[in-house]
Amino acid sequence: MDLRLHAPMVLPCDASCSVIRDAVVDVDDEGRIAYCGPRSGAPERPNDAAVRECNGILLPGLINAHAHSPMTLLRGMGGDLPLLRWLHEVIWPAEARLRPSDVRAGMELGCVEMLRAGVTTSAEMYFMGESVVEATLAVGSRVVLASAVISTPGLDKLGGWQSMLEQVNRWIDADGLRFGPRERVELAYGPHSAYMLPPEALQTIGESAQQRGALVHTHVAETAGEDAEQRAKFGSVPALLDELGVLDGRVLAAHGVHLSDEDIRLFARRGVGVAHCPGSNAKLASGTARLVDLLAAGIPVGLGTDGPSSNDDLDLWEEVQLAGLVARIATGDATALSASAALLAATRGGAQALHRDDLGALEPGRWADIVHLDIDNPAFATGLDAPDDQVLANVVWAAGSRCVRDVWVAGEEVLHDREPTRVDRRHVQAAARTAAQYIRG
């Protein structure tokens, strides 16, 4: 045992979203959970194990299931445009100016912002992947990096889709699917979308990913009109992906706003994960995913912020609340998504959507990615002696990121008293400001 955490309450985010009072979380010397349960049942502590008394609630690190975090540099640009105009007129021209150092600066800022919101893992889709990885490892977070594969004018300096794909193949073949300290990095494939790539590209990417056991992370049915051509030819983008064999492997579909009943049944049969992004979808007026129907079909659903220039932040607690609120509005049912279900979507559900069984819960064998919520806050003024369901309701509906105090990734404390331990937050913000000024010209 390397570390023991004591807390008056632990939310392990097991399948039943149980509540453990007067609890202990033990972390082994490899950075994984060794024990999570009542203090009365905890194993004997070795004399050399560190002990930390936490005054609040411990829970798993949140998982941002869909993000483009280096876009912190583009925050606020084109904020009143719909998706396709926003991309073509504002974002892609700005991204064409990005240098590797800019991507690193934006990603470091994104990682710091996410840690302060209790997000320990983010599923990123972006280019200049080496810079994304360098930034993540510098801050100490965890990333599932889907290197972007896209064919669009302005980004031709990155090469065509064939070149982008070959770069990902070489990287995985050289470094493996997971690497870095305590497997902080997983490599994946990020075909942008069916409307930005030809079917040949999607099929080839799917085959490459399946040969390596890698995740395919792609945008699907985000807006109503983006995929008109694909729907006319194939019925829907999910049907197209299935026909091309892409759904035979590990797949994460971002957004999934405009899915038909048949699309949902297909995703359920194929075990496709969905990243639900209610904040971004609302801001861009894209619509809202059929969250209740997706969950009822047994589809693993995680929550994502999308990019910090379409949201415009990386605070997954806001997505937890929005997911519940929008589901209730969409169905007219105040019981459509419970507090526990919303919390699980941000933790255990995110891991399942990423096809990972080593994240998203405080269970033996999983990585010790842990968040400490400080209860010295008006959100918990009624105390932790309240019934379990009331405490869970307060965590989801009242607490938010302002209650995040400390964060551990693989047992290493990377946020202490709201400040990152590996980097200087002010230096990170200054570097991002300089990079943003360069992009604006």
Protein backbone atom coordinates (compact mmCIF):
# COMPACT_ATOMS: atom_id res chain seq x y z
CA MET A 1 0.00 0.00 0.00
CA ASP A 2 1.31 3.44 -0.95
CA LEU A 3 -1.48 5.74 0.27
CA ARG A 4 -4.57 5.56 2.47
CA LEU A 5 -7.30 8.19 2.22
CA HIS A 6 -9.88 8.55 5.00
CA ALA A 7 -13.13 10.42 4.37
CA PRO A 8 -16.54 10.68 6.03
CA MET A 9 -18.08 9.62 2.71
CA VAL A 10 -17.01 7.89 -0.50
CA LEU A 11 -19.03 7.61 -3.71
CA PRO A 12 -17.28 4.72 -5.51
CA CYS A 13 -19.56 5.01 -8.56
CA ASP A 14 -20.21 1.30 -8.68
CA ALA A 15 -23.13 0.15 -10.80
CA SER A 16 -25.66 0.94 -8.05
CA CYS A 17 -24.05 4.29 -7.16
CA SER A 18 -23.71 3.29 -3.52
CA VAL A 19 -22.73 5.59 -0.68
CA ILE A 20 -20.07 4.49 1.81
CA ARG A 21 -19.82 6.34 5.12
CA ASP A 22 -16.71 6.55 7.33
CA ALA A 23 -14.75 5.18 4.44
CA VAL A 24 -11.23 4.29 3.36
CA VAL A 25 -9.63 4.26 -0.09
CA ASP A 26 -6.30 2.45 -0.33
CA VAL A 27 -3.91 2.99 -3.25
CA ASP A 28 -1.20 0.43 -4.01
CA ASP A 29 2.35 1.22 -5.05
CA GLU A 30 1.40 0.91 -8.74
CA GLY A 31 -1.21 3.65 -8.47
CA ARG A 32 -4.29 1.44 -8.50
CA ILE A 33 -7.16 1.05 -6.05
CA ALA A 34 -6.42 -1.71 -3.55
CA TYR A 35 -9.45 -1.27 -1.28
CA CYS A 36 -12.51 0.96 -1.17
CA GLY A 37 -15.00 0.43 1.61
CA PRO A 38 -15.91 1.08 5.24
CA ARG A 39 -13.09 1.92 7.62
CA SER A 40 -14.24 -0.95 9.83
CA GLY A 41 -13.43 -3.46 7.10
CA ALA A 42 -10.19 -1.94 5.85
CA PRO A 43 -7.08 -4.14 5.81
CA GLU A 44 -4.28 -3.50 8.24
CA ARG A 45 -2.18 -0.54 7.17
CA PRO A 46 1.56 -1.02 6.67
CA ASN A 47 3.66 1.30 8.83
CA ASP A 48 5.22 3.00 5.80
CA ALA A 49 1.92 3.85 4.06
CA ALA A 50 1.05 7.54 3.91
CA VAL A 51 -2.32 8.53 5.40
CA ARG A 52 -4.41 11.53 4.39
CA GLU A 53 -7.49 12.69 6.27
CA CYS A 54 -10.02 14.25 3.90
CA ASN A 55 -12.85 16.31 5.36
CA GLY A 56 -15.36 15.75 2.58
CA ILE A 57 -16.38 13.34 -0.15
CA LEU A 58 -14.15 11.14 -2.31
CA LEU A 59 -15.28 9.98 -5.75
CA PRO A 60 -13.65 8.86 -9.01
CA GLY A 61 -12.12 11.40 -11.32
CA LEU A 62 -14.62 12.59 -13.90
CA ILE A 63 -14.16 11.57 -17.54
CA ASN A 64 -14.60 14.13 -20.29
CA ALA A 65 -15.69 11.78 -23.07
CA HIS A 66 -15.34 14.28 -25.93
CA ALA A 67 -13.12 17.34 -26.02
CA HIS A 68 -10.84 19.46 -28.17
CA SER A 69 -9.04 21.06 -25.23
CA PRO A 70 -6.25 22.92 -27.10
CA MET A 71 -9.06 25.14 -28.37
CA THR A 72 -8.84 27.03 -25.08
CA LEU A 73 -6.83 29.42 -27.26
CA LEU A 74 -9.86 30.00 -29.49
CA ARG A 75 -12.37 30.57 -26.71
CA GLY A 76 -14.97 33.17 -27.59
CA MET A 77 -14.26 33.23 -31.32
CA GLY A 78 -17.37 33.09 -33.50
CA GLY A 79 -19.52 32.54 -30.46
CA ASP A 80 -22.82 33.43 -32.14
CA LEU A 81 -22.59 31.22 -35.23
CA PRO A 82 -24.11 27.80 -35.97
CA LEU A 83 -21.73 24.84 -36.20
CA LEU A 84 -20.85 24.64 -39.89
CA ARG A 85 -20.40 28.40 -40.36
CA TRP A 86 -18.44 28.55 -37.11
CA LEU A 87 -16.08 25.82 -38.37
CA HIS A 88 -15.60 27.06 -41.93
CA GLU A 89 -15.51 30.80 -41.29
CA VAL A 90 -13.76 31.04 -37.92
CA ILE A 91 -12.26 27.90 -36.41
CA TRP A 92 -10.53 26.12 -39.25
CA PRO A 93 -8.86 29.32 -40.53
CA ALA A 94 -7.62 30.02 -36.99
CA GLU A 95 -6.39 26.45 -36.51
CA ALA A 96 -4.43 26.72 -39.75
CA ARG A 97 -2.15 29.17 -37.90
CA LEU A 98 -1.46 26.86 -34.96
CA ARG A 99 2.11 25.78 -34.24
CA PRO A 100 3.02 22.76 -32.08
CA SER A 101 3.97 25.13 -29.23
CA ASP A 102 0.52 26.73 -29.43
CA VAL A 103 -1.22 23.37 -29.21
CA ARG A 104 0.86 22.47 -26.17
CA ALA A 105 0.06 25.78 -24.47
CA GLY A 106 -3.65 25.37 -25.14
CA MET A 107 -3.67 21.78 -23.93
CA GLU A 108 -1.77 22.59 -20.73
CA LEU A 109 -4.34 25.25 -19.95
CA GLY A 110 -7.12 22.79 -20.73
CA CYS A 111 -5.64 20.14 -18.43
CA VAL A 112 -5.33 22.62 -15.57
CA GLU A 113 -8.89 23.81 -16.11
CA MET A 114 -10.17 20.23 -16.12
CA LEU A 115 -8.25 19.22 -12.99
CA ARG A 116 -9.78 22.16 -11.15
CA ALA A 117 -13.16 20.72 -12.18
CA GLY A 118 -12.25 17.20 -11.06
CA VAL A 119 -11.73 15.84 -14.59
CA THR A 120 -8.83 13.40 -14.61
CA THR A 121 -9.29 11.85 -18.09
CA SER A 122 -10.23 13.55 -21.35
CA ALA A 123 -10.95 11.94 -24.71
CA GLU A 124 -9.32 14.41 -27.06
CA MET A 125 -9.69 14.72 -30.81
CA TYR A 126 -6.99 17.01 -32.15
CA PHE A 127 -3.95 17.25 -34.38
CA MET A 128 -0.26 17.76 -33.52
CA GLY A 129 -0.80 14.91 -31.10
CA GLU A 130 2.73 14.92 -29.73
CA SER A 131 2.10 18.38 -28.28
CA VAL A 132 -1.18 17.21 -26.74
CA VAL A 133 0.61 14.29 -25.05
CA GLU A 134 3.51 16.45 -23.84
CA ALA A 135 1.09 18.88 -22.23
CA THR A 136 -0.97 16.16 -20.58
CA LEU A 137 2.08 14.47 -19.09
CA ALA A 138 3.46 17.80 -17.88
CA VAL A 139 0.29 18.56 -15.92
CA GLY A 140 -0.17 14.94 -14.81
CA SER A 141 -3.62 14.25 -16.26
CA ARG A 142 -4.77 11.29 -18.33
CA VAL A 143 -5.71 11.41 -22.02
CA VAL A 144 -7.25 9.21 -24.69
CA LEU A 145 -5.86 10.97 -27.74
CA ALA A 146 -7.63 10.44 -31.05
CA SER A 147 -5.30 12.10 -33.52
CA ALA A 148 -7.51 13.99 -35.93
CA VAL A 149 -7.89 12.73 -39.48
CA ILE A 150 -9.60 15.32 -41.62
CA SER A 151 -9.67 16.53 -45.20
CA THR A 152 -10.33 20.25 -45.40
CA PRO A 153 -8.73 23.32 -47.02
CA GLY A 154 -6.56 25.31 -44.64
CA LEU A 155 -5.20 22.30 -42.81
CA ASP A 156 -3.36 20.92 -45.80
CA LYS A 157 -0.05 21.59 -44.01
CA LEU A 158 -0.88 18.45 -42.02
CA GLY A 159 -1.05 16.39 -45.22
CA GLY A 160 -4.03 14.52 -46.64
CA TRP A 161 -6.03 11.96 -44.73
CA GLN A 162 -3.74 9.17 -45.90
CA SER A 163 -0.73 10.92 -44.40
CA MET A 164 -2.54 11.65 -41.14
CA LEU A 165 -3.65 8.02 -40.87
CA GLU A 166 -0.17 6.70 -41.53
CA GLN A 167 1.24 8.92 -38.80
CA VAL A 168 -1.17 7.42 -36.27
CA ASN A 169 -0.32 3.90 -37.44
CA ARG A 170 3.40 4.53 -37.02
CA TRP A 171 2.94 6.13 -33.60
CA ILE A 172 0.91 3.22 -32.21
CA ASP A 173 3.26 0.66 -33.76
CA ALA A 174 6.25 2.43 -32.18
CA ASP A 175 4.95 3.33 -28.71
CA GLY A 176 2.05 0.93 -28.22
CA LEU A 177 -1.59 1.64 -27.57
CA ARG A 178 -0.99 2.85 -24.00
CA PHE A 179 2.16 4.37 -22.61
CA GLY A 180 3.52 7.03 -20.30
CA PRO A 181 3.76 7.00 -16.51
CA ARG A 182 1.10 4.60 -15.25
CA GLU A 183 -0.49 4.44 -18.71
CA ARG A 184 -1.54 8.07 -18.72
CA VAL A 185 -1.79 8.07 -22.53
CA GLU A 186 -3.93 5.95 -24.84
CA LEU A 187 -3.70 6.49 -28.59
CA ALA A 188 -6.79 6.31 -30.79
CA TYR A 189 -8.01 7.28 -34.26
CA GLY A 190 -9.98 10.49 -34.78
CA PRO A 191 -11.69 10.59 -38.19
CA HIS A 192 -13.47 13.91 -37.94
CA SER A 193 -16.77 12.86 -39.50
CA ALA A 194 -18.43 11.16 -42.41
CA TYR A 195 -19.12 14.53 -44.01
CA MET A 196 -15.44 15.55 -43.97
CA LEU A 197 -13.95 12.25 -45.17
CA PRO A 198 -14.72 9.89 -48.08
CA PRO A 199 -16.03 6.38 -47.32
CA GLU A 200 -12.67 4.94 -48.37
CA ALA A 201 -10.97 6.88 -45.57
CA LEU A 202 -13.47 5.74 -42.94
CA GLN A 203 -13.13 2.10 -43.99
CA THR A 204 -9.33 2.22 -43.99
CA ILE A 205 -9.25 3.94 -40.58
CA GLY A 206 -11.61 1.31 -39.16
CA GLU A 207 -9.42 -1.50 -40.46
CA SER A 208 -6.25 0.09 -39.07
CA ALA A 209 -7.87 0.61 -35.66
CA GLN A 210 -9.17 -2.95 -35.45
CA GLN A 211 -5.76 -4.38 -36.35
CA ARG A 212 -4.34 -2.55 -33.33
CA GLY A 213 -7.28 -2.83 -30.93
CA ALA A 214 -7.62 0.95 -30.93
CA LEU A 215 -10.60 3.20 -30.39
CA VAL A 216 -12.22 5.11 -33.25
CA HIS A 217 -13.53 8.45 -31.98
CA THR A 218 -15.67 10.36 -34.49
CA HIS A 219 -18.41 12.98 -34.73
CA VAL A 220 -21.79 11.49 -35.61
CA ALA A 221 -25.09 13.28 -36.35
CA GLU A 222 -24.25 16.48 -34.51
CA THR A 223 -26.46 18.73 -36.63
CA ALA A 224 -29.53 18.02 -38.72
CA GLY A 225 -28.09 19.00 -42.08
CA GLU A 226 -24.43 18.04 -41.95
CA ASP A 227 -24.86 14.50 -43.27
CA ALA A 228 -27.59 14.97 -45.88
CA GLU A 229 -25.46 13.37 -48.60
CA GLN A 230 -24.61 10.33 -46.48
CA ARG A 231 -28.23 9.87 -45.42
CA ALA A 232 -29.36 10.02 -49.04
CA LYS A 233 -26.89 7.30 -50.06
CA PHE A 234 -26.76 5.06 -46.99
CA GLY A 235 -29.77 5.92 -44.80
CA SER A 236 -27.67 7.36 -41.98
CA VAL A 237 -24.09 7.81 -40.85
CA PRO A 238 -24.37 4.89 -38.38
CA ALA A 239 -25.58 2.71 -41.27
CA LEU A 240 -22.67 3.91 -43.40
CA LEU A 241 -20.15 3.14 -40.65
CA ASP A 242 -21.67 -0.29 -40.18
CA GLU A 243 -21.56 -1.05 -43.91
CA LEU A 244 -17.89 -0.04 -43.99
CA GLY A 245 -17.08 -2.33 -41.04
CA VAL A 246 -16.07 0.51 -38.72
CA LEU A 247 -18.54 -0.59 -36.03
CA ASP A 248 -16.85 -4.00 -35.78
CA GLY A 249 -14.27 -2.43 -33.43
CA ARG A 250 -14.19 -0.05 -30.48
CA VAL A 251 -16.13 3.08 -31.44
CA LEU A 252 -17.01 6.29 -29.62
CA ALA A 253 -19.62 8.45 -31.37
CA ALA A 254 -19.51 12.07 -30.28
CA HIS A 255 -22.83 13.95 -29.99
CA GLY A 256 -25.32 11.54 -31.60
CA VAL A 257 -27.95 14.27 -31.55
CA HIS A 258 -29.94 13.25 -34.62
CA LEU A 259 -30.15 9.46 -34.34
CA SER A 260 -33.18 7.49 -35.49
CA ASP A 261 -34.67 4.54 -33.65
CA GLU A 262 -32.82 2.22 -36.04
CA ASP A 263 -29.55 4.08 -35.45
CA ILE A 264 -29.96 3.59 -31.70
CA ARG A 265 -30.72 -0.11 -32.12
CA LEU A 266 -27.66 -0.46 -34.36
CA PHE A 267 -25.37 1.25 -31.86
CA ALA A 268 -26.75 -0.95 -29.09
CA ARG A 269 -26.09 -4.13 -31.11
CA ARG A 270 -22.58 -3.01 -31.96
CA GLY A 271 -21.67 -1.79 -28.48
CA VAL A 272 -20.91 1.74 -29.67
CA GLY A 273 -20.29 4.31 -26.95
CA VAL A 274 -21.83 7.79 -27.17
CA ALA A 275 -20.41 11.05 -25.80
CA HIS A 276 -23.34 13.30 -24.89
CA CYS A 277 -22.43 17.02 -25.07
CA PRO A 278 -25.52 18.96 -23.98
CA GLY A 279 -23.77 22.30 -23.38
CA SER A 280 -22.11 22.58 -26.77
CA ASN A 281 -25.17 21.21 -28.55
CA ALA A 282 -27.33 23.85 -26.89
CA LYS A 283 -24.95 26.75 -27.58
CA LEU A 284 -24.67 25.84 -31.26
CA ALA A 285 -28.43 25.15 -31.47
CA SER A 286 -27.67 21.65 -32.74
CA GLY A 287 -30.40 19.99 -30.69
CA THR A 288 -30.14 17.45 -27.90
CA ALA A 289 -29.33 13.77 -27.95
CA ARG A 290 -32.04 11.30 -26.95
CA LEU A 291 -30.26 10.47 -23.71
CA VAL A 292 -33.09 8.57 -22.08
CA ASP A 293 -33.59 6.40 -25.17
CA LEU A 294 -29.84 5.77 -25.49
CA LEU A 295 -29.60 4.59 -21.89
CA ALA A 296 -32.76 2.52 -22.18
CA ALA A 297 -31.23 0.73 -25.18
CA GLY A 298 -28.20 -0.19 -23.10
CA ILE A 299 -25.79 2.08 -24.95
CA PRO A 300 -22.84 3.21 -22.80
CA VAL A 301 -23.11 6.98 -22.54
CA GLY A 302 -20.49 9.38 -21.23
CA LEU A 303 -20.56 13.15 -20.99
CA GLY A 304 -18.37 15.55 -22.93
CA THR A 305 -17.77 19.26 -22.95
CA ASP A 306 -16.75 19.38 -26.62
CA GLY A 307 -14.28 22.16 -27.36
CA PRO A 308 -13.82 25.11 -25.00
CA SER A 309 -14.65 27.45 -27.86
CA SER A 310 -18.06 25.91 -28.45
CA ASN A 311 -19.09 25.34 -24.83
CA ASP A 312 -17.14 27.59 -23.70
CA ASP A 313 -15.51 25.78 -20.79
CA LEU A 314 -14.23 22.37 -19.74
CA ASP A 315 -16.31 22.08 -16.57
CA LEU A 316 -17.92 18.64 -16.76
CA TRP A 317 -20.04 19.33 -13.67
CA GLU A 318 -22.05 21.70 -15.85
CA GLU A 319 -22.64 18.85 -18.30
CA VAL A 320 -23.78 16.60 -15.45
CA GLN A 321 -26.44 19.12 -14.52
CA LEU A 322 -27.38 19.98 -18.10
CA ALA A 323 -27.75 16.31 -19.01
CA GLY A 324 -30.30 15.87 -16.26
CA LEU A 325 -32.12 19.12 -16.92
CA VAL A 326 -32.35 18.68 -20.68
CA ALA A 327 -33.47 15.05 -20.36
CA ARG A 328 -36.28 16.11 -18.06
CA ILE A 329 -37.36 18.94 -20.35
CA ALA A 330 -37.20 16.75 -23.46
CA THR A 331 -39.33 14.02 -21.91
CA GLY A 332 -41.56 16.10 -19.67
CA ASP A 333 -40.61 13.66 -16.91
CA ALA A 334 -38.94 14.88 -13.70
CA THR A 335 -37.70 11.33 -13.09
CA ALA A 336 -36.10 10.94 -16.53
CA LEU A 337 -32.52 11.10 -15.21
CA SER A 338 -31.80 10.73 -11.52
CA ALA A 339 -28.91 12.35 -9.70
CA SER A 340 -27.14 9.02 -9.41
CA ALA A 341 -27.58 8.28 -13.13
CA ALA A 342 -26.17 11.70 -14.03
CA LEU A 343 -23.13 11.17 -11.79
CA LEU A 344 -22.50 7.72 -13.24
CA ALA A 345 -22.59 9.15 -16.77
CA ALA A 346 -19.68 11.43 -15.86
CA THR A 347 -17.65 8.63 -14.31
CA ARG A 348 -18.43 4.96 -14.89
CA GLY A 349 -20.44 5.69 -18.04
CA GLY A 350 -17.60 7.69 -19.53
CA ALA A 351 -15.23 4.78 -19.00
CA GLN A 352 -17.69 2.38 -20.62
CA ALA A 353 -18.19 4.72 -23.59
CA LEU A 354 -14.40 4.68 -24.06
CA HIS A 355 -14.40 0.89 -23.76
CA ARG A 356 -12.21 1.11 -20.65
CA ASP A 357 -12.66 -1.01 -17.53
CA ASP A 358 -9.76 0.53 -15.58
CA LEU A 359 -11.24 4.01 -15.08
CA GLY A 360 -14.40 5.66 -13.80
CA ALA A 361 -14.91 3.91 -10.46
CA LEU A 362 -13.16 3.39 -7.14
CA GLU A 363 -12.91 -0.38 -7.42
CA PRO A 364 -9.90 -2.64 -6.78
CA GLY A 365 -7.66 -2.89 -9.82
CA ARG A 366 -8.78 0.36 -11.43
CA TRP A 367 -6.48 3.36 -11.58
CA ALA A 368 -6.58 5.51 -8.46
CA ASP A 369 -7.93 8.64 -10.15
CA ILE A 370 -9.66 10.30 -7.22
CA VAL A 371 -11.38 13.62 -6.49
CA HIS A 372 -11.88 15.19 -3.08
CA LEU A 373 -14.93 17.45 -2.72
CA ASP A 374 -14.72 19.98 0.09
CA ILE A 375 -17.99 20.11 2.03
CA ASP A 376 -17.18 23.46 3.69
CA ASN A 377 -19.51 25.05 1.18
CA PRO A 378 -23.14 26.21 1.17
CA ALA A 379 -23.99 23.28 -1.10
CA PHE A 380 -23.44 20.98 1.89
CA ALA A 381 -24.71 23.27 4.63
CA THR A 382 -27.19 20.57 5.67
CA GLY A 383 -24.25 18.24 6.34
CA LEU A 384 -23.47 14.66 5.40
CA ASP A 385 -25.83 13.25 8.01
CA ALA A 386 -28.68 13.69 5.53
CA PRO A 387 -30.08 10.59 3.78
CA ASP A 388 -27.99 9.13 0.98
CA ASP A 389 -30.30 10.31 -1.80
CA GLN A 390 -30.23 13.86 -0.47
CA VAL A 391 -26.43 13.91 -0.34
CA LEU A 392 -26.26 12.57 -3.90
CA ALA A 393 -28.71 15.25 -5.00
CA ASN A 394 -26.55 17.93 -3.40
CA VAL A 395 -23.42 16.57 -5.11
CA VAL A 396 -25.07 16.66 -8.54
CA TRP A 397 -27.39 19.65 -8.39
CA ALA A 398 -25.68 22.00 -5.92
CA ALA A 399 -21.97 21.32 -5.54
CA GLY A 400 -20.26 21.80 -8.88
CA SER A 401 -16.60 22.33 -9.61
CA ARG A 402 -16.21 24.98 -6.91
CA CYS A 403 -16.20 22.15 -4.36
CA VAL A 404 -13.27 20.30 -5.98
CA ARG A 405 -10.28 20.69 -3.67
CA ASP A 406 -7.76 17.90 -4.35
CA VAL A 407 -7.20 15.45 -7.21
CA TRP A 408 -5.06 12.33 -7.56
CA VAL A 409 -4.19 10.59 -10.83
CA ALA A 410 -2.85 7.05 -10.46
CA GLY A 411 -2.32 7.83 -6.78
CA GLU A 412 -0.26 10.97 -7.41
CA GLU A 413 -1.68 14.24 -6.11
CA VAL A 414 -1.83 16.55 -9.12
CA LEU A 415 -4.16 19.17 -7.61
CA HIS A 416 -3.75 20.37 -4.03
CA ASP A 417 -6.08 22.93 -2.52
CA ARG A 418 -7.27 23.81 -6.07
CA GLU A 419 -3.80 24.45 -7.47
CA PRO A 420 -1.91 22.09 -9.81
CA THR A 421 1.15 20.53 -8.22
CA ARG A 422 3.26 19.94 -11.35
CA VAL A 423 2.94 23.27 -13.16
CA ASP A 424 2.52 26.90 -12.19
CA ARG A 425 -1.03 27.86 -13.14
CA ARG A 426 -0.14 31.51 -13.75
CA HIS A 427 2.71 30.54 -16.05
CA VAL A 428 0.37 28.21 -17.98
CA GLN A 429 -2.20 30.98 -18.36
CA ALA A 430 0.45 33.45 -19.53
CA ALA A 431 1.77 31.02 -22.16
CA ALA A 432 -1.75 30.42 -23.44
CA ARG A 433 -2.38 34.15 -23.65
CA THR A 434 0.76 34.65 -25.73
CA ALA A 435 -0.23 31.80 -28.07
CA ALA A 436 -3.75 33.15 -28.46
CA GLN A 437 -2.41 36.58 -29.38
CA TYR A 438 -0.24 35.02 -32.09
CA ILE A 439 -3.23 33.14 -33.57
CA ARG A 440 -5.30 36.31 -33.71
CA GLY A 441 -2.42 37.95 -35.57
